[in-house]
Amino acid sequence: MTEPSVYGSTIDRVRAAASRNSEILVTLNKTQEAVHAYNRTEFSLRKHRAELQSQDRTVNTLKTSSHVKFEKHETYRDSLIVKYAYYAVCMMMLFHKKAKEYEQAYFEALKKQKDAEDRRAGLQKNLDDELARNKEFRVTAEVHGKAHEDLDNLYIEIFSQPTPEFPEQEELRTQYDLAFAQRLQAKERYDVVKVNLRSSEEERTTVREDLKTAALDAEEKRQALEIAREKVFEQVAGFGLAPPGYSDCCNRAEFQEEYADPPPFEEIDK
């Protein structure tokens, strides 16, 4: 007779984890939207910072222009030597004309500078407001991430042992383990080619495509495995292991950015 596992059957483990599983699902559902909001504010912050940097350059340029024009205006306003030079050659009308032009040019430059500084202040306020929203969403997003870690640990606790009661899950886990190992091997080959200065463009293209293919396959296998595990909980505990859309949200979707469509060869560094 086969001895029972010291870890108990899969059914026992699922039942024992049902309450904890439910708590995690509640947290994931409550915090999922904050993750999307946090990602949106991260994108918005990059935009606001770029706009502010550009406006800083504009303000600095206009400050320089204002200073140059002020020096001209100041010379014609305060310099007795310049004024006397025009007087000596009977050209006071030209002096007054130039003085007026330099004064007008200075005040126009000053207005442009002030408008640019006002716009910069508005951009800074937008950035500060977005930073506050980002900070608020980040706290909740971190709670969401922690819930994901807890759920992963729950996976390990329940499904790391053989699951003969659920052959579909067992088969899919084997397929995922193999696909994940192949992805790691593809990444290792990529890293070798990356640092080899003698690698040809053809080699680089090949390993990049191999990495993309292996990563897509591993992700496909992971999603299939998650669905199978959800079914296990549905069969045993009466509800799924993850909320609707769980496979596509936040941390799980990071794969899409890192592997689904790799950037140019030299940019991949993970």
Protein backbone atom coordinates (compact mmCIF):
# COMPACT_ATOMS: atom_id res chain seq x y z
CA MET A 1 0.00 0.00 0.00
CA THR A 2 1.29 3.49 -0.92
CA GLU A 3 2.11 5.64 2.07
CA PRO A 4 0.25 8.97 2.23
CA SER A 5 2.29 12.11 1.57
CA VAL A 6 3.44 13.93 4.69
CA TYR A 7 2.07 17.03 3.00
CA GLY A 8 -1.40 15.53 2.59
CA SER A 9 -3.36 15.30 -0.62
CA THR A 10 -3.84 18.23 -3.00
CA ILE A 11 -7.49 18.34 -1.98
CA ASP A 12 -6.49 18.66 1.68
CA ARG A 13 -4.04 21.43 0.88
CA VAL A 14 -6.61 23.34 -1.18
CA ARG A 15 -9.22 23.07 1.56
CA ALA A 16 -6.73 24.17 4.19
CA ALA A 17 -5.76 27.19 2.10
CA ALA A 18 -9.30 28.18 1.08
CA SER A 19 -9.72 30.85 3.74
CA ARG A 20 -6.33 32.42 3.10
CA ASN A 21 -6.97 32.24 -0.63
CA SER A 22 -10.23 34.12 -0.19
CA GLU A 23 -8.49 36.88 1.80
CA ILE A 24 -5.88 37.32 -0.92
CA LEU A 25 -8.52 37.48 -3.65
CA VAL A 26 -10.37 40.20 -1.79
CA THR A 27 -7.15 42.23 -1.53
CA LEU A 28 -6.35 41.73 -5.20
CA ASN A 29 -9.81 42.81 -6.27
CA LYS A 30 -9.76 45.89 -4.03
CA THR A 31 -6.34 47.06 -5.15
CA GLN A 32 -6.18 46.05 -8.81
CA GLU A 33 -7.39 49.39 -10.20
CA ALA A 34 -4.76 51.23 -8.14
CA VAL A 35 -2.07 49.35 -10.05
CA HIS A 36 -3.39 50.60 -13.37
CA ALA A 37 -3.72 54.11 -11.93
CA TYR A 38 -0.15 53.94 -10.61
CA ASN A 39 1.15 52.87 -14.02
CA ARG A 40 -0.74 55.75 -15.64
CA THR A 41 0.78 58.26 -13.23
CA GLU A 42 4.26 56.82 -13.88
CA PHE A 43 3.77 57.47 -17.58
CA SER A 44 2.33 60.91 -16.87
CA LEU A 45 5.26 61.79 -14.60
CA ARG A 46 7.75 61.05 -17.37
CA LYS A 47 5.78 63.38 -19.64
CA HIS A 48 5.56 66.15 -17.01
CA ARG A 49 9.28 65.92 -16.21
CA ALA A 50 10.18 66.14 -19.90
CA GLU A 51 7.95 69.18 -20.34
CA LEU A 52 9.45 70.84 -17.27
CA GLN A 53 13.01 70.23 -18.45
CA SER A 54 12.16 71.70 -21.84
CA GLN A 55 10.55 74.73 -20.22
CA ASP A 56 13.59 75.20 -17.97
CA ARG A 57 15.73 75.49 -21.08
CA THR A 58 13.29 78.01 -22.55
CA VAL A 59 13.32 80.10 -19.38
CA ASN A 60 17.12 80.09 -19.22
CA THR A 61 17.34 81.17 -22.86
CA LEU A 62 14.88 84.01 -22.30
CA LYS A 63 16.72 85.10 -19.14
CA THR A 64 19.91 85.40 -21.13
CA SER A 65 18.11 87.36 -23.84
CA SER A 66 16.53 89.68 -21.25
CA HIS A 67 19.90 90.31 -19.64
CA VAL A 68 21.51 91.22 -22.97
CA LYS A 69 18.67 93.57 -23.84
CA PHE A 70 18.72 95.11 -20.37
CA GLU A 71 22.41 95.93 -20.73
CA LYS A 72 21.68 97.74 -23.98
CA HIS A 73 18.74 99.57 -22.43
CA GLU A 74 20.78 100.46 -19.33
CA THR A 75 23.59 101.86 -21.46
CA TYR A 76 21.31 104.26 -23.29
CA ARG A 77 19.41 105.13 -20.12
CA ASP A 78 22.28 105.79 -17.73
CA SER A 79 25.49 106.37 -19.67
CA LEU A 80 26.35 110.05 -19.93
CA ILE A 81 29.28 109.21 -22.19
CA VAL A 82 27.01 107.59 -24.81
CA LYS A 83 24.54 110.41 -24.56
CA TYR A 84 27.27 113.03 -24.93
CA ALA A 85 28.71 111.20 -27.96
CA TYR A 86 25.41 111.56 -29.79
CA TYR A 87 25.05 115.15 -28.59
CA ALA A 88 28.52 116.02 -29.85
CA VAL A 89 27.61 115.05 -33.41
CA CYS A 90 24.12 116.55 -33.22
CA MET A 91 22.33 113.22 -33.38
CA MET A 92 20.15 113.38 -30.29
CA MET A 93 17.05 112.38 -32.24
CA LEU A 94 18.78 109.13 -33.20
CA PHE A 95 19.90 108.66 -29.60
CA HIS A 96 16.35 108.99 -28.28
CA LYS A 97 15.06 106.66 -30.99
CA LYS A 98 17.60 103.97 -30.11
CA ALA A 99 17.04 104.44 -26.40
CA LYS A 100 13.31 103.94 -26.91
CA GLU A 101 13.88 100.88 -29.12
CA TYR A 102 16.22 99.27 -26.59
CA GLU A 103 13.80 100.02 -23.77
CA GLN A 104 10.91 98.50 -25.70
CA ALA A 105 12.97 95.45 -26.67
CA TYR A 106 13.96 94.94 -23.03
CA PHE A 107 10.39 95.10 -21.73
CA GLU A 108 9.19 92.76 -24.48
CA ALA A 109 11.93 90.28 -23.56
CA LEU A 110 11.03 90.67 -19.89
CA LYS A 111 7.38 89.90 -20.67
CA LYS A 112 8.36 86.77 -22.62
CA GLN A 113 10.53 85.68 -19.70
CA LYS A 114 7.69 86.28 -17.23
CA ASP A 115 5.23 84.33 -19.40
CA ALA A 116 7.69 81.44 -19.66
CA GLU A 117 8.27 81.48 -15.89
CA ASP A 118 4.51 81.47 -15.29
CA ARG A 119 4.15 78.49 -17.61
CA ARG A 120 7.00 76.75 -15.81
CA ALA A 121 5.24 77.34 -12.48
CA GLY A 122 2.11 75.74 -13.94
CA LEU A 123 4.07 72.75 -15.16
CA GLN A 124 5.72 72.41 -11.76
CA LYS A 125 2.30 72.40 -10.10
CA ASN A 126 1.09 69.73 -12.51
CA LEU A 127 4.15 67.65 -11.67
CA ASP A 128 3.68 68.12 -7.92
CA ASP A 129 0.01 67.13 -8.17
CA GLU A 130 0.88 64.05 -10.19
CA LEU A 131 3.62 63.12 -7.73
CA ALA A 132 1.06 63.24 -4.91
CA ARG A 133 -1.31 60.98 -6.86
CA ASN A 134 1.56 58.68 -7.75
CA LYS A 135 2.55 58.36 -4.10
CA GLU A 136 -1.02 57.57 -3.09
CA PHE A 137 -1.45 54.91 -5.76
CA ARG A 138 2.01 53.46 -5.10
CA VAL A 139 1.07 52.54 -1.53
CA THR A 140 -1.96 50.59 -2.73
CA ALA A 141 -0.02 49.12 -5.67
CA GLU A 142 2.58 47.80 -3.21
CA VAL A 143 -0.21 46.14 -1.24
CA HIS A 144 -1.37 44.59 -4.49
CA GLY A 145 2.13 43.38 -5.30
CA LYS A 146 2.46 41.86 -1.85
CA ALA A 147 -0.83 40.04 -2.40
CA HIS A 148 0.58 38.62 -5.60
CA GLU A 149 3.61 37.36 -3.70
CA ASP A 150 1.33 35.79 -1.12
CA LEU A 151 -0.66 34.10 -3.86
CA ASP A 152 2.52 32.81 -5.48
CA ASN A 153 3.59 31.38 -2.13
CA LEU A 154 0.21 29.77 -1.83
CA TYR A 155 0.73 28.20 -5.26
CA ILE A 156 4.04 26.80 -4.10
CA GLU A 157 2.60 25.48 -0.87
CA ILE A 158 -0.28 23.75 -2.61
CA PHE A 159 1.11 22.65 -5.95
CA SER A 160 4.84 22.08 -5.41
CA GLN A 161 4.07 18.48 -4.47
CA PRO A 162 2.75 15.96 -7.01
CA THR A 163 -0.96 16.34 -7.74
CA PRO A 164 -2.09 12.95 -9.00
CA GLU A 165 -5.72 13.87 -8.23
CA PHE A 166 -5.48 16.53 -10.94
CA PRO A 167 -3.53 15.14 -13.89
CA GLU A 168 -4.21 18.19 -16.10
CA GLN A 169 -2.50 20.49 -13.60
CA GLU A 170 0.36 18.02 -13.27
CA GLU A 171 0.91 17.85 -17.02
CA LEU A 172 0.71 21.62 -17.47
CA ARG A 173 3.16 22.18 -14.63
CA THR A 174 5.64 19.87 -16.36
CA GLN A 175 5.18 21.76 -19.62
CA TYR A 176 5.63 25.11 -17.92
CA ASP A 177 8.77 23.99 -16.05
CA LEU A 178 10.28 22.87 -19.35
CA ALA A 179 9.27 26.07 -21.15
CA PHE A 180 10.64 28.20 -18.32
CA ALA A 181 13.97 26.32 -18.43
CA GLN A 182 14.14 26.87 -22.18
CA ARG A 183 13.51 30.58 -21.69
CA LEU A 184 16.37 30.78 -19.20
CA GLN A 185 18.65 28.97 -21.65
CA ALA A 186 17.65 31.38 -24.42
CA LYS A 187 18.41 34.31 -22.12
CA GLU A 188 21.81 32.85 -21.24
CA ARG A 189 22.65 32.45 -24.94
CA TYR A 190 21.50 35.99 -25.55
CA ASP A 191 23.73 37.33 -22.76
CA VAL A 192 26.76 35.51 -24.18
CA VAL A 193 26.23 36.95 -27.65
CA LYS A 194 25.53 40.37 -26.19
CA VAL A 195 28.97 40.74 -24.61
CA ASN A 196 30.82 39.11 -27.51
CA LEU A 197 32.10 41.95 -29.69
CA ARG A 198 32.71 39.47 -32.52
CA SER A 199 29.06 38.45 -32.72
CA SER A 200 27.57 39.07 -36.14
CA GLU A 201 24.32 40.90 -36.70
CA GLU A 202 22.81 37.62 -37.88
CA GLU A 203 23.75 35.92 -34.59
CA ARG A 204 22.26 38.79 -32.62
CA THR A 205 19.03 38.68 -34.57
CA THR A 206 18.79 34.91 -34.12
CA VAL A 207 19.27 34.89 -30.34
CA ARG A 208 16.91 37.84 -29.97
CA GLU A 209 14.19 35.99 -31.87
CA ASP A 210 14.92 32.79 -29.93
CA LEU A 211 14.49 34.70 -26.66
CA LYS A 212 11.24 36.21 -27.84
CA THR A 213 9.88 32.83 -28.94
CA ALA A 214 10.93 31.07 -25.72
CA ALA A 215 9.47 33.83 -23.56
CA LEU A 216 6.16 33.83 -25.40
CA ASP A 217 5.93 30.04 -25.08
CA ALA A 218 6.73 30.17 -21.35
CA GLU A 219 4.09 32.84 -20.79
CA GLU A 220 1.51 30.84 -22.71
CA LYS A 221 2.27 27.77 -20.61
CA ARG A 222 2.10 29.81 -17.40
CA GLN A 223 -1.33 31.15 -18.23
CA ALA A 224 -2.60 27.66 -19.06
CA LEU A 225 -1.23 26.41 -15.75
CA GLU A 226 -2.97 29.19 -13.83
CA ILE A 227 -6.28 28.37 -15.47
CA ALA A 228 -5.86 24.71 -14.50
CA ARG A 229 -5.12 25.68 -10.90
CA GLU A 230 -8.16 27.94 -10.80
CA LYS A 231 -10.20 24.94 -11.87
CA VAL A 232 -8.74 22.92 -9.00
CA PHE A 233 -9.98 25.49 -6.50
CA GLU A 234 -13.33 25.65 -8.24
CA GLN A 235 -13.72 21.90 -7.98
CA VAL A 236 -12.54 21.59 -4.40
CA ALA A 237 -13.40 24.87 -2.66
CA GLY A 238 -16.17 26.17 -4.84
CA PHE A 239 -14.38 29.28 -6.16
CA GLY A 240 -11.46 30.11 -8.37
CA LEU A 241 -7.93 30.79 -7.32
CA ALA A 242 -7.79 34.20 -8.91
CA PRO A 243 -10.18 37.05 -9.73
CA PRO A 244 -11.29 37.85 -13.28
CA GLY A 245 -8.45 39.31 -15.27
CA TYR A 246 -5.85 38.18 -12.76
CA SER A 247 -3.63 36.65 -15.43
CA ASP A 248 -3.44 39.97 -17.26
CA CYS A 249 -2.91 42.45 -14.44
CA CYS A 250 0.15 44.28 -13.11
CA ASN A 251 3.11 42.05 -12.21
CA ARG A 252 1.88 39.22 -14.40
CA ALA A 253 1.74 41.55 -17.38
CA GLU A 254 5.32 42.74 -16.96
CA PHE A 255 6.26 39.86 -19.23
CA GLN A 256 4.66 41.71 -22.12
CA GLU A 257 7.09 44.63 -21.78
CA GLU A 258 10.21 42.60 -21.13
CA TYR A 259 9.88 39.67 -23.47
CA ALA A 260 6.90 39.75 -25.84
CA ASP A 261 8.50 42.24 -28.20
CA PRO A 262 12.16 42.71 -27.24
CA PRO A 263 13.68 46.15 -27.84
CA PRO A 264 16.80 46.64 -29.97
CA PHE A 265 19.53 44.19 -29.03
CA GLU A 266 21.68 46.54 -27.02
CA GLU A 267 18.76 47.66 -24.83
CA ILE A 268 17.88 44.25 -23.35
CA ASP A 269 19.64 43.92 -20.03
CA LYS A 270 17.44 41.71 -17.90
